[in-house]
Amino acid sequence: MHFHIIIAAFICSGVVDSWKIRGISSSYKRFYRERKSFLCIDGSKMIPFEQVNDDYCDCADGSDEPGTSACPHGRFYCTNLGFRPHYVPSSRVNDGICDCCDASDEYNSHARCQNTCWNLGQKERAYVEGQMRTLDEGLRLKQQMIEEGVLLWREKQAHLRELQQAAEDLQIKLEEHRWRKHETDLLQEQTSKALEAGDNGSRHQNASVAGLFQLLDSNKDGRISVDEVKAKVVLVHEAKRVLSEDEALIKDGASGGPMSEDPHLKAADRAEWEATNLRKVEEAYETVNMEIRDLQKNLSIDYGTDWEFLFLSGQCYKLQMYEYAYSLCPFNLVTQKSTAGTEVLLGRWGMWAGPPKNHYSQMVYENGEPCWQGGSRTTTVTLTCGTETALRSVKEPSKCQYIMDFQTPVACQPVLKQRGVHSEL
């Protein structure tokens, strides 16, 4: 009897504990402590405390009706013990549809809601634990890739020094071969002039021989008789020296002696040989310099603070999406190939474009093939943490603008582990 009197007096006094007010979070309970009056949270109005949750909206901000649907802009707080708490619009309170997993939003409706928070919480905790395991494994793999990246960077730097030394050696050889080629060309020119002068003398000599024959052949029968020789013995004596020299030249050429080798041909062969060698050295020099330029360009790319993304260079990752095959070649280009075999360039490597706190979380590939609506195709690649390196998805949210999800261990960040545990559990 005494107990009932106390309860009745408690109710009549209008005392209501804040923890009994539906639809408020623990952080807002300070506004709903028992007192004679209630001040709207926006400070716009003071009302009697018994008008809180009386299913009539008194405050413009809806703060007097957190547990009913009376206020159009109100919010109902789902405690959802065992799962994640969240807010729903007040209009959903007692509407016959279960919005809170603890069924607290349907306290006065015909709906028969079951409390599913514990099961949902178990599933989410299992998911978060899986994510944590993935993150731990990803961070372990990332450390390996950092170590490999450092070694690979050193190897490329050493290779660059070797190529530069080879270029210096070839530069010296190139100068030597150019000098030899110049000397050979000069010799060939001198030989040609000398032979040209010799040919003129030979033609004069041959003309002398022919003239002597005509002189001796006095009857013009094409033969020289003994009488014709005797008749002009003096001329024969003078011509004999010329004939002997001419015969000596013919005999020497027939016997394969030094005069049988054409000096002009020897000089030409040597000039061609030197020209061939020069071309070979020039080609080797250009090839080495091309390799140096390519390697320097490759090493100028930002591969992360610890070169952790260096292993992606030279690799390509493919994904088949319906009738298209997509290919992402990090730090190079992105392409799309149809089943008909038509390949379209979706962009070339541009830059890192992640936010300041996670700069290496996004890649931008730009200046792809022109789009029929104008402009060029571009692709944004978002890097996400995973235990494998693979292209996971491709979307085209707007015409000629592509978005890719690229998963790799090097995208794992230790800070994500702390945030995940805090926000999810």
Protein backbone atom coordinates (compact mmCIF):
# COMPACT_ATOMS: atom_id res chain seq x y z
CA MET A 1 0.00 0.00 0.00
CA HIS A 2 2.78 2.38 0.91
CA PHE A 3 4.60 1.46 -2.33
CA HIS A 4 1.58 2.31 -4.50
CA ILE A 5 1.24 5.68 -2.78
CA ILE A 6 4.87 6.49 -3.61
CA ILE A 7 4.40 5.51 -7.29
CA ALA A 8 1.25 7.57 -7.57
CA ALA A 9 2.95 10.56 -6.03
CA PHE A 10 5.91 10.06 -8.42
CA ILE A 11 3.65 10.07 -11.44
CA CYS A 12 1.54 12.98 -10.22
CA SER A 13 4.62 15.07 -9.68
CA GLY A 14 5.43 14.70 -13.39
CA VAL A 15 8.87 13.25 -12.70
CA VAL A 16 10.09 11.26 -15.75
CA ASP A 17 13.62 9.83 -15.95
CA SER A 18 15.51 10.83 -19.09
CA TRP A 19 16.43 7.21 -19.79
CA LYS A 20 12.74 6.48 -20.29
CA ILE A 21 12.39 9.07 -23.06
CA ARG A 22 12.18 7.16 -26.37
CA GLY A 23 14.18 8.16 -29.42
CA ILE A 24 17.13 9.97 -27.82
CA SER A 25 20.82 9.04 -27.76
CA SER A 26 22.96 9.11 -24.64
CA SER A 27 24.64 12.30 -25.84
CA TYR A 28 21.26 14.11 -25.87
CA LYS A 29 19.97 12.89 -22.50
CA ARG A 30 21.25 16.03 -20.79
CA PHE A 31 18.53 18.01 -22.60
CA TYR A 32 15.80 15.75 -21.24
CA ARG A 33 16.56 15.72 -17.51
CA GLU A 34 13.48 15.96 -15.32
CA ARG A 35 12.47 19.50 -14.65
CA LYS A 36 9.24 21.48 -14.75
CA SER A 37 9.97 22.98 -18.14
CA PHE A 38 11.63 21.80 -21.36
CA LEU A 39 13.65 24.15 -23.51
CA CYS A 40 13.62 23.30 -27.19
CA ILE A 41 17.17 22.34 -28.20
CA ASP A 42 17.32 25.20 -30.68
CA GLY A 43 16.38 27.56 -27.81
CA SER A 44 13.32 28.85 -29.61
CA LYS A 45 10.66 27.88 -27.06
CA MET A 46 10.03 26.78 -23.48
CA ILE A 47 7.24 24.24 -22.85
CA PRO A 48 6.05 22.19 -19.85
CA PHE A 49 8.08 19.00 -19.57
CA GLU A 50 4.96 16.80 -19.71
CA GLN A 51 4.50 17.89 -23.33
CA VAL A 52 7.65 15.94 -24.35
CA ASN A 53 6.61 12.95 -26.49
CA ASP A 54 2.91 13.79 -26.16
CA ASP A 55 2.44 13.25 -29.92
CA TYR A 56 2.07 16.97 -30.58
CA CYS A 57 4.85 19.04 -32.12
CA ASP A 58 5.62 22.12 -30.06
CA CYS A 59 9.26 22.83 -31.03
CA ALA A 60 10.19 23.95 -34.54
CA ASP A 61 13.25 21.66 -34.47
CA GLY A 62 11.10 18.67 -33.41
CA SER A 63 13.18 18.13 -30.28
CA ASP A 64 10.10 17.78 -28.03
CA GLU A 65 8.92 14.70 -29.97
CA PRO A 66 11.96 12.42 -30.35
CA GLY A 67 9.85 9.32 -29.81
CA THR A 68 6.79 10.08 -31.94
CA SER A 69 5.99 10.97 -35.53
CA ALA A 70 4.39 14.30 -34.66
CA CYS A 71 7.17 16.58 -35.94
CA PRO A 72 7.93 16.56 -39.71
CA HIS A 73 11.64 17.21 -39.24
CA GLY A 74 12.23 15.08 -36.17
CA ARG A 75 14.64 12.16 -35.78
CA PHE A 76 14.20 8.91 -33.89
CA TYR A 77 17.28 7.29 -32.38
CA CYS A 78 17.55 3.49 -32.70
CA THR A 79 19.68 2.20 -29.84
CA ASN A 80 20.16 -1.19 -31.55
CA LEU A 81 22.09 -2.77 -28.70
CA GLY A 82 24.54 -5.32 -30.12
CA PHE A 83 24.63 -3.65 -33.53
CA ARG A 84 25.22 -0.15 -34.89
CA PRO A 85 22.90 2.60 -33.56
CA HIS A 86 21.46 5.04 -36.08
CA TYR A 87 18.74 7.63 -36.66
CA VAL A 88 15.57 7.30 -38.75
CA PRO A 89 13.12 10.09 -39.68
CA SER A 90 10.38 10.52 -37.09
CA SER A 91 7.80 9.92 -39.80
CA ARG A 92 8.76 6.24 -39.72
CA VAL A 93 7.86 5.78 -36.05
CA ASN A 94 4.90 3.41 -35.65
CA ASP A 95 4.32 3.23 -39.39
CA GLY A 96 4.08 -0.56 -39.38
CA ILE A 97 7.55 -1.07 -40.90
CA CYS A 98 10.49 -2.16 -38.77
CA ASP A 99 13.35 0.29 -39.31
CA CYS A 100 15.31 -0.32 -36.10
CA CYS A 101 16.76 -3.80 -35.64
CA ASP A 102 15.71 -3.64 -31.96
CA ALA A 103 12.09 -2.86 -33.05
CA SER A 104 12.06 0.27 -30.85
CA ASP A 105 10.51 2.41 -33.61
CA GLU A 106 7.36 0.24 -33.66
CA TYR A 107 6.47 0.28 -29.95
CA ASN A 108 2.84 1.17 -30.61
CA SER A 109 1.90 -0.38 -33.95
CA HIS A 110 0.44 -3.60 -35.29
CA ALA A 111 3.84 -4.67 -36.66
CA ARG A 112 5.41 -7.72 -35.02
CA CYS A 113 9.10 -6.82 -35.25
CA GLN A 114 11.83 -9.17 -34.08
CA ASN A 115 15.00 -7.94 -32.43
CA THR A 116 17.67 -8.91 -34.97
CA CYS A 117 20.46 -6.69 -33.64
CA TRP A 118 22.52 -9.52 -32.15
CA ASN A 119 22.57 -11.55 -35.38
CA LEU A 120 23.39 -8.47 -37.43
CA GLY A 121 26.11 -7.56 -34.96
CA GLN A 122 27.62 -11.04 -35.20
CA LYS A 123 27.74 -10.82 -39.00
CA GLU A 124 29.26 -7.37 -38.93
CA ARG A 125 31.84 -8.35 -36.34
CA ALA A 126 32.78 -11.36 -38.44
CA TYR A 127 33.09 -9.08 -41.48
CA VAL A 128 35.23 -6.58 -39.57
CA GLU A 129 37.43 -9.38 -38.24
CA GLY A 130 37.88 -10.61 -41.81
CA GLN A 131 38.76 -7.11 -42.90
CA MET A 132 41.30 -6.87 -40.09
CA ARG A 133 42.87 -10.17 -41.14
CA THR A 134 42.99 -8.92 -44.72
CA LEU A 135 44.56 -5.68 -43.56
CA ASP A 136 47.16 -7.50 -41.46
CA GLU A 137 48.07 -9.77 -44.38
CA GLY A 138 48.04 -6.81 -46.78
CA LEU A 139 50.39 -4.83 -44.55
CA ARG A 140 52.73 -7.82 -44.34
CA LEU A 141 52.77 -8.17 -48.14
CA LYS A 142 53.19 -4.43 -48.51
CA GLN A 143 56.35 -4.53 -46.41
CA GLN A 144 57.74 -7.23 -48.70
CA MET A 145 56.91 -5.11 -51.74
CA ILE A 146 58.59 -2.09 -50.18
CA GLU A 147 61.76 -4.12 -49.69
CA GLU A 148 61.53 -5.44 -53.25
CA GLY A 149 60.88 -1.92 -54.52
CA VAL A 150 64.02 -0.58 -52.85
CA LEU A 151 66.12 -3.36 -54.40
CA LEU A 152 64.51 -2.86 -57.81
CA TRP A 153 65.15 0.88 -57.62
CA ARG A 154 68.82 0.26 -56.84
CA GLU A 155 69.07 -2.21 -59.71
CA LYS A 156 67.58 0.30 -62.14
CA GLN A 157 69.94 3.01 -60.90
CA ALA A 158 72.90 0.66 -61.36
CA HIS A 159 71.67 -0.27 -64.85
CA LEU A 160 71.40 3.44 -65.70
CA ARG A 161 75.01 3.99 -64.66
CA GLU A 162 76.10 1.03 -66.81
CA LEU A 163 74.24 2.42 -69.82
CA GLN A 164 75.76 5.85 -69.30
CA GLN A 165 79.25 4.34 -69.15
CA ALA A 166 78.53 2.32 -72.30
CA ALA A 167 77.37 5.52 -74.02
CA GLU A 168 80.62 7.25 -73.08
CA ASP A 169 82.67 4.32 -74.48
CA LEU A 170 80.63 4.30 -77.68
CA GLN A 171 81.10 8.06 -78.01
CA ILE A 172 84.89 7.53 -78.06
CA LYS A 173 84.56 4.71 -80.61
CA LEU A 174 82.23 6.84 -82.69
CA GLU A 175 84.79 9.63 -82.90
CA GLU A 176 87.50 7.11 -83.87
CA HIS A 177 85.36 5.59 -86.64
CA ARG A 178 84.39 8.99 -87.93
CA TRP A 179 88.06 9.90 -88.17
CA ARG A 180 88.86 6.62 -89.96
CA LYS A 181 85.98 7.16 -92.36
CA HIS A 182 87.24 10.68 -93.11
CA GLU A 183 90.78 9.38 -93.76
CA THR A 184 89.46 6.58 -95.99
CA ASP A 185 87.29 8.96 -97.99
CA LEU A 186 90.31 11.23 -98.44
CA LEU A 187 92.46 8.30 -99.60
CA GLN A 188 89.78 7.18 -102.04
CA GLU A 189 89.58 10.67 -103.48
CA GLN A 190 93.38 10.85 -103.90
CA THR A 191 93.46 7.38 -105.50
CA SER A 192 90.71 8.33 -107.95
CA LYS A 193 92.62 11.45 -109.02
CA ALA A 194 95.86 9.48 -109.45
CA LEU A 195 94.18 6.77 -111.51
CA GLU A 196 92.44 9.37 -113.63
CA ALA A 197 95.81 10.91 -114.41
CA GLY A 198 97.22 7.44 -115.23
CA ASP A 199 94.37 6.66 -117.60
CA ASN A 200 95.10 9.82 -119.55
CA GLY A 201 98.77 8.74 -119.97
CA SER A 202 97.77 5.23 -121.05
CA ARG A 203 95.44 6.59 -123.67
CA HIS A 204 98.31 8.73 -125.01
CA GLN A 205 100.60 5.67 -125.07
CA ASN A 206 98.05 3.56 -126.91
CA ALA A 207 97.66 6.34 -129.45
CA SER A 208 101.46 6.31 -130.03
CA VAL A 209 101.45 2.54 -130.67
CA ALA A 210 98.63 2.83 -133.18
CA GLY A 211 100.37 5.67 -134.95
CA LEU A 212 103.62 3.65 -135.21
CA PHE A 213 101.77 0.69 -136.77
CA GLN A 214 100.21 2.92 -139.35
CA LEU A 215 103.61 4.45 -140.04
CA LEU A 216 105.25 1.03 -140.69
CA ASP A 217 102.29 -0.31 -142.72
CA SER A 218 103.13 1.77 -145.72
CA ASN A 219 100.94 -0.22 -148.21
CA LYS A 220 97.98 -0.09 -145.81
CA ASP A 221 97.25 -3.83 -146.11
CA GLY A 222 96.94 -4.25 -142.34
CA ARG A 223 100.25 -6.16 -142.13
CA ILE A 224 103.85 -5.09 -141.67
CA SER A 225 106.40 -6.80 -143.93
CA VAL A 226 110.19 -7.01 -143.52
CA ASP A 227 110.67 -4.58 -146.35
CA GLU A 228 108.37 -2.07 -144.71
CA VAL A 229 110.36 -2.36 -141.48
CA LYS A 230 113.71 -2.00 -143.27
CA ALA A 231 112.40 0.97 -145.15
CA LYS A 232 111.76 2.80 -141.94
CA VAL A 233 114.36 1.24 -139.61
CA VAL A 234 115.00 4.46 -137.85
CA LEU A 235 111.35 4.85 -136.92
CA VAL A 236 111.24 1.21 -135.78
CA HIS A 237 114.21 1.82 -133.53
CA GLU A 238 112.41 4.75 -131.94
CA ALA A 239 109.09 2.90 -131.63
CA LYS A 240 110.66 -0.30 -130.21
CA ARG A 241 111.03 1.27 -126.78
CA VAL A 242 107.35 2.21 -126.74
CA LEU A 243 106.26 -1.27 -127.80
CA SER A 244 108.48 -2.93 -125.24
CA GLU A 245 107.02 -0.87 -122.45
CA ASP A 246 103.48 -1.55 -123.64
CA GLU A 247 104.15 -5.27 -123.88
CA ALA A 248 105.70 -5.26 -120.45
CA LEU A 249 102.52 -3.68 -119.04
CA ILE A 250 100.33 -6.26 -120.81
CA LYS A 251 102.51 -9.18 -119.67
CA ASP A 252 102.58 -7.87 -116.10
CA GLY A 253 98.76 -7.58 -116.05
CA ALA A 254 98.35 -11.09 -117.47
CA SER A 255 100.69 -12.64 -114.91
CA GLY A 256 98.58 -11.36 -111.96
CA GLY A 257 101.25 -9.09 -110.53
CA PRO A 258 100.73 -5.92 -108.50
CA MET A 259 99.49 -3.97 -111.51
CA SER A 260 96.54 -6.43 -111.92
CA GLU A 261 94.93 -5.17 -108.68
CA ASP A 262 92.82 -2.07 -109.32
CA PRO A 263 93.87 0.56 -106.70
CA HIS A 264 90.52 2.30 -107.17
CA LEU A 265 88.63 -0.86 -106.18
CA LYS A 266 90.86 -1.41 -103.14
CA ALA A 267 90.23 2.14 -101.92
CA ALA A 268 86.45 1.81 -102.53
CA ASP A 269 86.29 -1.48 -100.61
CA ARG A 270 88.08 0.03 -97.66
CA ALA A 271 85.81 3.08 -97.72
CA GLU A 272 82.71 0.84 -97.72
CA TRP A 273 84.09 -1.26 -94.87
CA GLU A 274 84.76 1.83 -92.76
CA ALA A 275 81.30 3.22 -93.59
CA THR A 276 79.67 -0.05 -92.48
CA ASN A 277 81.58 -0.05 -89.20
CA LEU A 278 80.63 3.58 -88.60
CA ARG A 279 76.95 2.80 -89.16
CA LYS A 280 77.10 -0.08 -86.67
CA VAL A 281 78.68 2.10 -83.98
CA GLU A 282 76.17 4.90 -84.67
CA GLU A 283 73.24 2.46 -84.34
CA ALA A 284 74.63 1.04 -81.10
CA TYR A 285 75.16 4.55 -79.72
CA GLU A 286 71.60 5.60 -80.60
CA THR A 287 70.15 2.40 -79.09
CA VAL A 288 71.99 2.91 -75.80
CA ASN A 289 70.91 6.55 -75.61
CA MET A 290 67.31 5.55 -76.29
CA GLU A 291 67.48 3.04 -73.43
CA ILE A 292 68.93 5.76 -71.18
CA ARG A 293 66.09 8.16 -72.04
CA ASP A 294 63.44 5.49 -71.43
CA LEU A 295 64.98 4.45 -68.12
CA GLN A 296 65.36 8.05 -66.94
CA LYS A 297 61.70 8.70 -67.81
CA ASN A 298 60.71 5.56 -65.94
CA LEU A 299 62.73 6.53 -62.87
CA SER A 300 61.27 10.06 -62.83
CA ILE A 301 57.78 8.68 -61.95
CA ASP A 302 56.57 8.95 -58.35
CA TYR A 303 56.39 5.34 -57.10
CA GLY A 304 55.50 6.22 -53.52
CA THR A 305 57.53 7.34 -50.53
CA ASP A 306 59.18 3.90 -50.25
CA TRP A 307 59.01 2.94 -53.97
CA GLU A 308 56.26 0.50 -52.98
CA PHE A 309 54.42 0.98 -56.29
CA LEU A 310 57.50 0.35 -58.45
CA PHE A 311 56.62 -3.32 -58.92
CA LEU A 312 53.51 -2.25 -60.88
CA SER A 313 55.63 -0.65 -63.61
CA GLY A 314 55.70 -2.79 -66.73
CA GLN A 315 52.69 -4.87 -65.59
CA CYS A 316 49.17 -4.97 -67.03
CA TYR A 317 45.98 -6.14 -65.28
CA LYS A 318 42.90 -7.24 -67.23
CA LEU A 319 39.20 -7.59 -66.47
CA GLN A 320 36.37 -8.84 -68.68
CA MET A 321 33.15 -6.86 -68.24
CA TYR A 322 30.31 -8.01 -70.50
CA GLU A 323 31.43 -7.44 -74.10
CA TYR A 324 34.53 -5.43 -73.20
CA ALA A 325 37.97 -6.40 -71.99
CA TYR A 326 39.67 -3.71 -69.93
CA SER A 327 43.41 -3.44 -69.42
CA LEU A 328 45.16 -1.30 -66.80
CA CYS A 329 48.89 -0.87 -67.24
CA PRO A 330 49.95 1.23 -64.21
CA PHE A 331 52.02 4.32 -65.01
CA ASN A 332 51.39 3.74 -68.71
CA LEU A 333 47.88 3.50 -70.16
CA VAL A 334 44.32 2.15 -69.90
CA THR A 335 42.51 0.47 -72.81
CA GLN A 336 39.12 -1.01 -73.66
CA LYS A 337 38.80 -3.79 -76.25
CA SER A 338 35.49 -4.97 -77.67
CA THR A 339 34.65 -8.53 -78.72
CA ALA A 340 34.92 -7.28 -82.31
CA GLY A 341 38.59 -6.48 -81.67
CA THR A 342 38.33 -2.68 -81.63
CA GLU A 343 40.66 -1.19 -79.03
CA VAL A 344 40.08 2.25 -77.52
CA LEU A 345 42.58 4.23 -75.45
CA LEU A 346 40.89 5.34 -72.22
CA GLY A 347 43.81 7.44 -71.02
CA ARG A 348 47.54 7.71 -70.48
CA TRP A 349 49.27 8.03 -67.12
CA GLY A 350 48.74 11.48 -65.69
CA MET A 351 49.22 11.83 -61.93
CA TRP A 352 48.38 10.76 -58.41
CA ALA A 353 45.14 12.42 -57.33
CA GLY A 354 44.31 11.16 -53.84
CA PRO A 355 43.47 13.49 -50.94
CA PRO A 356 46.34 14.97 -48.89
CA LYS A 357 45.97 12.34 -46.15
CA ASN A 358 46.15 9.48 -48.67
CA HIS A 359 47.80 10.91 -51.77
CA TYR A 360 48.54 7.51 -53.32
CA SER A 361 44.95 6.25 -53.21
CA GLN A 362 43.91 7.48 -56.68
CA MET A 363 45.46 7.51 -60.15
CA VAL A 364 44.33 9.64 -63.07
CA TYR A 365 44.83 8.58 -66.70
CA GLU A 366 44.03 11.36 -69.16
CA ASN A 367 44.16 12.36 -72.83
CA GLY A 368 42.56 9.18 -74.13
CA GLU A 369 40.89 8.94 -77.51
CA PRO A 370 38.45 11.75 -78.35
CA CYS A 371 34.86 11.30 -77.20
CA TRP A 372 32.08 11.83 -79.72
CA GLN A 373 30.54 14.44 -77.39
CA GLY A 374 33.79 16.37 -77.27
CA GLY A 375 36.82 16.19 -75.02
CA SER A 376 38.95 13.11 -74.46
CA ARG A 377 38.43 9.94 -72.46
CA THR A 378 39.79 9.86 -68.89
CA THR A 379 39.99 7.15 -66.25
CA THR A 380 40.21 7.48 -62.48
CA VAL A 381 41.63 4.44 -60.68
CA THR A 382 40.91 4.03 -56.97
CA LEU A 383 43.36 1.81 -55.09
CA THR A 384 41.96 -0.33 -52.29
CA CYS A 385 43.58 -2.62 -49.75
CA GLY A 386 43.66 -6.35 -50.54
CA THR A 387 45.89 -9.41 -50.36
CA GLU A 388 46.07 -9.70 -54.16
CA THR A 389 46.87 -7.24 -56.93
CA ALA A 390 43.97 -7.23 -59.40
CA LEU A 391 41.55 -5.04 -61.32
CA ARG A 392 38.20 -5.55 -59.58
CA SER A 393 35.62 -3.37 -61.33
CA VAL A 394 35.07 -0.82 -64.09
CA LYS A 395 32.25 1.71 -64.34
CA GLU A 396 31.32 4.51 -66.71
CA PRO A 397 29.21 6.87 -64.58
CA SER A 398 29.21 9.51 -67.32
CA LYS A 399 30.04 9.39 -71.00
CA CYS A 400 33.75 8.76 -71.65
CA GLN A 401 34.55 9.09 -67.91
CA TYR A 402 35.66 5.77 -66.42
CA ILE A 403 36.18 4.65 -62.82
CA MET A 404 38.21 1.57 -61.88
CA ASP A 405 38.66 -0.25 -58.58
CA PHE A 406 42.21 -1.62 -58.34
CA GLN A 407 43.04 -3.80 -55.36
CA THR A 408 46.61 -4.26 -54.11
CA PRO A 409 48.45 -4.82 -50.82
CA VAL A 410 50.45 -1.61 -51.28
CA ALA A 411 47.22 0.38 -50.83
CA CYS A 412 46.83 -0.91 -47.25
CA GLN A 413 47.34 1.76 -44.59
CA PRO A 414 47.88 1.06 -40.87
CA VAL A 415 45.58 3.97 -39.97
CA LEU A 416 42.65 2.14 -41.59
CA LYS A 417 42.92 -0.62 -39.03
CA GLN A 418 42.41 1.78 -36.13
CA ARG A 419 39.55 3.57 -37.83
CA GLY A 420 37.81 0.32 -38.75
CA VAL A 421 37.77 -1.01 -35.19
CA HIS A 422 36.57 2.31 -33.82
CA SER A 423 33.81 2.98 -36.29
CA GLU A 424 32.48 -0.49 -36.89
CA LEU A 425 32.39 -1.98 -33.41
